Protein backbone atom coordinates (compact mmCIF):
# COMPACT_ATOMS: atom_id res chain seq x y z
CA UNK A 1 1.61 -32.58 -0.81
CA UNK A 2 4.08 -30.19 0.46
CA UNK A 3 3.90 -27.39 -2.92
CA UNK A 4 -0.35 -27.49 -2.30
CA UNK A 5 0.17 -26.72 1.13
CA UNK A 6 2.46 -23.81 0.51
CA UNK A 7 0.16 -22.87 -2.52
CA UNK A 8 -2.92 -22.59 0.27
CA UNK A 9 -0.74 -20.77 2.80
CA UNK A 10 0.76 -18.26 0.44
CA UNK A 11 -2.67 -17.68 -0.79
CA UNK A 12 -4.31 -17.16 2.99
CA UNK A 13 -1.68 -14.65 3.31
CA UNK A 14 -2.76 -12.43 0.45
CA UNK A 15 -6.24 -12.84 1.27
CA UNK A 16 -5.52 -11.75 5.03
CA UNK A 17 -3.65 -8.61 3.86
CA UNK A 18 -6.70 -7.60 1.37
CA UNK A 19 -9.13 -8.05 4.03
CA UNK A 20 -8.61 -4.07 4.83
CA UNK A 21 -10.21 -2.87 1.93
CA UNK A 22 -12.05 -5.66 0.25
CA UNK A 23 -15.67 -5.23 2.23
CA UNK A 24 -15.56 -1.64 1.77
CA UNK A 25 -13.44 -0.24 -0.82
CA UNK A 26 -11.81 1.86 1.43
CA UNK A 27 -8.41 1.45 3.04
CA UNK A 28 -9.29 3.21 6.61
CA UNK A 29 -7.55 0.15 8.54
CA UNK A 30 -4.38 0.67 6.31
CA UNK A 31 -4.64 4.65 6.85
CA UNK A 32 -5.06 4.84 10.48
CA UNK A 33 -2.26 2.32 11.46
CA UNK A 34 0.03 4.68 9.20
CA UNK A 35 -1.19 7.65 11.37
CA UNK A 36 -0.34 5.72 14.21
CA UNK A 37 3.03 5.05 13.51
CA UNK A 38 3.59 9.00 12.59
CA UNK A 39 2.55 9.69 15.80
CA UNK A 40 5.18 7.32 17.65
CA UNK A 41 7.75 8.30 15.21
CA UNK A 42 7.83 5.83 12.30
CA UNK A 43 9.71 8.93 10.29
CA UNK A 44 12.52 8.65 12.42
CA UNK A 45 12.31 4.90 13.44
CA UNK A 46 11.59 3.07 10.62
CA UNK A 47 11.94 5.55 7.38
CA UNK A 48 11.81 3.26 4.72
CA UNK A 49 9.52 0.64 5.99
CA UNK A 50 6.83 3.93 6.40
CA UNK A 51 7.72 5.48 3.19
CA UNK A 52 6.75 1.74 1.05
CA UNK A 53 3.54 1.37 3.22
CA UNK A 54 2.21 4.83 1.90
CA UNK A 55 3.53 4.09 -1.35
CA UNK A 56 1.97 0.76 -1.81
CA UNK A 57 -1.33 2.15 -0.47
CA UNK A 58 -0.97 5.35 -2.44
CA UNK A 59 -0.27 2.58 -4.98
CA UNK A 60 -3.66 0.75 -4.29
CA UNK A 61 -5.97 3.57 -4.63
CA UNK A 62 -4.57 5.14 -7.69
CA UNK A 63 -3.82 1.83 -9.88
CA UNK A 64 -6.62 3.17 -12.39
CA UNK A 65 -4.64 6.60 -13.22
CA UNK A 66 -5.65 7.33 -16.69
CA UNK A 67 -2.71 7.27 -19.24
CA UNK A 68 -0.65 4.61 -17.58
CA UNK A 69 0.28 0.64 -17.66
CA UNK A 70 -1.80 0.44 -14.67
CA UNK A 71 -4.86 -1.30 -15.36
CA UNK A 72 -6.44 -2.46 -11.91
CA UNK A 73 -6.68 -6.30 -11.61
CA UNK A 74 -7.84 -7.97 -8.66
CA UNK A 75 -4.66 -9.84 -7.78
CA UNK A 76 -2.79 -6.76 -7.98
CA UNK A 77 -4.75 -5.29 -5.25
CA UNK A 78 -4.59 -7.93 -3.08
CA UNK A 79 -0.48 -8.56 -3.66
CA UNK A 80 -0.25 -4.89 -3.17
CA UNK A 81 -2.76 -4.94 0.01
CA UNK A 82 -0.45 -7.63 1.26
CA UNK A 83 2.91 -5.39 0.88
CA UNK A 84 1.12 -2.76 2.41
CA UNK A 85 0.71 -4.81 5.98
CA UNK A 86 4.34 -6.63 5.57
CA UNK A 87 5.79 -2.94 5.50
CA UNK A 88 3.45 -1.51 8.50
CA UNK A 89 4.29 -5.08 10.77
CA UNK A 90 8.51 -3.94 9.72
CA UNK A 91 7.88 -0.44 10.87
CA UNK A 92 5.67 -1.43 13.75
CA UNK A 93 8.44 -3.96 15.10
CA UNK A 94 11.10 -1.22 14.39
CA UNK A 95 9.00 1.65 16.00
CA UNK A 96 8.75 -0.56 19.80
CA UNK A 97 12.01 -2.23 18.73
CA UNK A 98 15.00 -1.57 21.13
CA UNK A 99 17.63 -0.97 18.07
CA UNK A 100 20.49 -0.49 20.24
CA UNK A 101 19.70 -2.76 22.94
CA UNK A 102 19.68 -0.29 25.62
CA UNK A 103 16.43 -1.40 27.12
CA UNK A 104 14.21 1.41 25.46
CA UNK A 105 12.23 1.31 22.81
CA UNK A 106 12.99 3.34 19.71
CA UNK A 107 10.07 5.65 19.62
CA UNK A 108 10.61 6.53 23.64
CA UNK A 109 14.30 7.47 22.62
CA UNK A 110 12.97 10.12 20.26
CA UNK A 111 10.96 11.51 22.62
CA UNK A 112 13.40 11.87 25.42
CA UNK A 113 16.03 13.39 22.46
CA UNK A 114 18.51 10.26 22.42
CA UNK A 115 19.70 8.42 19.52
CA UNK A 116 18.04 5.37 19.36
CA UNK A 117 20.60 3.81 17.10
CA UNK A 118 23.92 4.16 19.10
CA UNK A 119 24.92 1.65 21.71
CA UNK A 120 24.23 2.41 25.43
CA UNK A 121 28.19 2.24 26.20
CA UNK A 122 29.17 4.29 23.41
CA UNK A 123 26.62 6.76 24.13
CA UNK A 124 28.19 6.98 27.92
CA UNK A 125 31.57 7.23 26.64
CA UNK A 126 30.19 10.43 24.41
CA UNK A 127 28.43 11.98 27.31
CA UNK A 128 31.48 11.81 29.18
CA UNK A 129 33.83 13.10 26.51
CA UNK A 130 31.16 15.75 25.67
CA UNK A 131 32.48 19.47 25.95
CA UNK A 132 31.14 22.70 24.05
CA UNK A 133 33.13 22.82 20.57
CA UNK A 134 32.32 25.61 17.87
CA UNK A 135 30.26 23.66 15.35
CA UNK A 136 32.23 23.73 12.07
CA UNK A 137 30.10 25.54 8.89
CA UNK A 138 29.50 22.85 6.72
CA UNK A 139 29.48 23.89 2.90
CA UNK A 140 26.07 22.89 1.47
CA UNK A 141 27.11 20.94 -2.14
CA UNK A 142 25.57 22.89 -5.20
CA UNK A 143 24.28 21.12 -7.90
CA UNK A 144 21.91 18.13 -8.55
CA UNK A 145 22.81 15.12 -6.23
CA UNK A 146 21.54 11.64 -6.44
CA UNK A 147 18.47 11.10 -4.89
CA UNK A 148 18.86 8.82 -1.62
CA UNK A 149 15.42 7.06 -1.76
CA UNK A 150 16.34 4.07 -3.70
CA UNK A 151 14.27 4.59 -7.14
CA UNK A 152 15.34 3.80 -10.28
CA UNK A 153 12.84 2.88 -13.17
CA UNK A 154 12.55 0.24 -16.00
CA UNK A 155 11.28 0.06 -18.88
CA UNK A 156 10.35 -2.90 -21.30
CA UNK A 157 11.59 -2.62 -25.17
CA UNK A 158 10.86 0.50 -27.36
CA UNK A 159 8.33 1.18 -25.04
CA UNK A 160 7.83 4.87 -22.43
CA UNK A 161 4.88 3.30 -20.67
CA UNK A 162 5.10 3.08 -16.44
CA UNK A 163 5.19 -0.36 -15.65
CA UNK A 164 2.47 -0.64 -12.54
CA UNK A 165 5.02 -2.49 -10.50
CA UNK A 166 7.06 0.86 -10.21
CA UNK A 167 3.99 3.07 -8.88
CA UNK A 168 5.11 2.27 -5.03
CA UNK A 169 8.55 3.87 -5.95
CA UNK A 170 7.19 6.69 -7.51
CA UNK A 171 5.15 7.00 -4.53
CA UNK A 172 7.55 6.91 -2.12
CA UNK A 173 9.74 9.86 -4.25
CA UNK A 174 6.25 11.97 -4.24
CA UNK A 175 6.07 11.64 -0.58
CA UNK A 176 9.76 12.53 -0.37
CA UNK A 177 9.43 15.83 -2.52
CA UNK A 178 5.98 16.90 -0.47
CA UNK A 179 7.76 16.82 2.54
CA UNK A 180 10.92 18.72 1.21
CA UNK A 181 9.56 21.18 -0.69
CA UNK A 182 12.82 23.18 -1.21
CA UNK A 183 13.65 20.38 -3.71
CA UNK A 184 14.02 20.47 -7.49
CA UNK A 185 14.13 17.17 -9.25
CA UNK A 186 15.66 15.99 -12.05
CA UNK A 187 14.71 12.92 -13.97
CA UNK A 188 16.99 11.59 -16.63
CA UNK A 189 16.09 8.64 -19.35
CA UNK A 190 18.42 5.63 -20.80
CA UNK A 191 18.26 2.89 -22.86
CA UNK A 192 19.77 -0.17 -24.43
CA UNK A 193 21.92 0.09 -27.56
CA UNK A 194 19.47 -1.17 -29.57
CA UNK A 195 18.48 1.31 -32.53
CA UNK A 196 19.95 4.96 -33.77
CA UNK A 197 21.08 7.40 -31.59
CA UNK A 198 18.49 9.73 -32.87
CA UNK A 199 15.73 7.30 -31.99
CA UNK A 200 16.83 6.43 -28.10
CA UNK A 201 17.19 9.95 -27.50
CA UNK A 202 13.83 10.22 -28.33
CA UNK A 203 12.92 7.58 -26.70
CA UNK A 204 14.46 8.12 -23.43
CA UNK A 205 13.00 11.75 -23.46
CA UNK A 206 9.51 10.36 -23.46
CA UNK A 207 10.81 8.15 -20.63
CA UNK A 208 11.33 11.38 -18.45
CA UNK A 209 8.50 12.51 -19.78
CA UNK A 210 6.10 9.91 -18.42
CA UNK A 211 7.82 10.09 -15.56
CA UNK A 212 7.10 13.78 -14.94
CA UNK A 213 3.51 13.36 -16.13
CA UNK A 214 2.91 11.02 -13.13
CA UNK A 215 4.49 13.19 -10.29
CA UNK A 216 2.48 16.37 -11.77
CA UNK A 217 -0.44 14.66 -12.07
CA UNK A 218 0.27 13.44 -7.92
CA UNK A 219 0.80 16.99 -6.89
CA UNK A 220 4.03 17.89 -7.46
CA UNK A 221 4.70 21.65 -9.44
CA UNK A 222 6.22 21.45 -12.98
CA UNK A 223 8.23 23.96 -11.99
CA UNK A 224 10.18 21.98 -9.46
CA UNK A 225 10.98 18.88 -12.61
CA UNK A 226 13.95 19.21 -14.87
CA UNK A 227 14.08 16.08 -17.74
CA UNK A 228 16.46 15.50 -19.80
CA UNK A 229 17.11 11.90 -22.41
CA UNK A 230 20.60 10.21 -22.77
CA UNK A 231 19.36 7.90 -24.61
CA UNK A 232 22.52 5.44 -25.32
CA UNK A 233 24.67 6.24 -22.53
CA UNK A 234 26.01 5.88 -18.91
CA UNK A 235 25.13 2.13 -19.23
CA UNK A 236 24.90 0.05 -15.84
CA UNK A 237 25.76 -3.22 -17.75
CA UNK A 238 26.85 -4.47 -20.88
CA UNK A 239 24.07 -5.13 -23.48
CA UNK A 240 25.11 -8.75 -24.02
CA UNK A 241 21.78 -10.34 -22.99
CA UNK A 242 17.77 -8.96 -22.12
CA UNK A 243 18.21 -8.84 -18.52
CA UNK A 244 21.59 -6.21 -18.94
CA UNK A 245 19.26 -4.21 -21.80
CA UNK A 246 16.07 -4.19 -19.58
CA UNK A 247 18.21 -2.98 -16.63
CA UNK A 248 19.86 -0.68 -18.61
CA UNK A 249 16.46 1.24 -20.08
CA UNK A 250 15.46 3.13 -17.17
CA UNK A 251 15.11 6.37 -15.71
CA UNK A 252 17.07 7.73 -12.44
CA UNK A 253 16.53 10.82 -10.33
CA UNK A 254 18.56 13.65 -9.02
CA UNK A 255 17.68 16.28 -6.55
CA UNK A 256 18.29 20.15 -5.72
CA UNK A 257 18.03 21.41 -2.63
CA UNK A 258 17.45 24.98 -3.77
CA UNK A 259 17.52 27.17 -0.20
């Protein structure tokens, strides 16, 4: 009986999450909420939550992109819509939340120019000690650096097709690159230890190429992208079981500031 109740509750949650698009096929409710939260400084107060809400919404809209393993299924749309709803709720909670316990919600602190993440007592101490000091010049790191957005895309055995589960993560990267037009991205493909070095180098390159194609189709200039296939190299784990081999079959992202 308990299991049946949990099943009914889980299905109800997914169906509620789908109400924003099921009747009209449009996503205006989600889009309007995202615009509202952006006006309330969601990018500063809840950067990861709003990024994933946008990423899942973009995936909902683009599930049928040709050339990718993203054939739209009804259950996919229900699950992704529920994910949008969850991340929007988390973002809203942080936007209106008092993250540093000083009695002022995050969006208000951004508007008045104070740090919404610093303890109020710490702020007072800093203000008391604050005095004009020369700002040291920070040298910008040269070359490619790991992408700060959490993004590692994994692949099935001997495949280079993008799994639809990872499209929201790619859409987060696309948003990041569109907002930071000075960034170039290097995409590096890897494999597990099954097969020859020559074959795996080609397979790793195909995986990086698939990601490049997805980024270009979604508005990122090819001039900003560099791809490389390293094949059987830089394993994250040993290759003793299927889970470890799956983890090693991946692409990783590195960015370089061109300014």
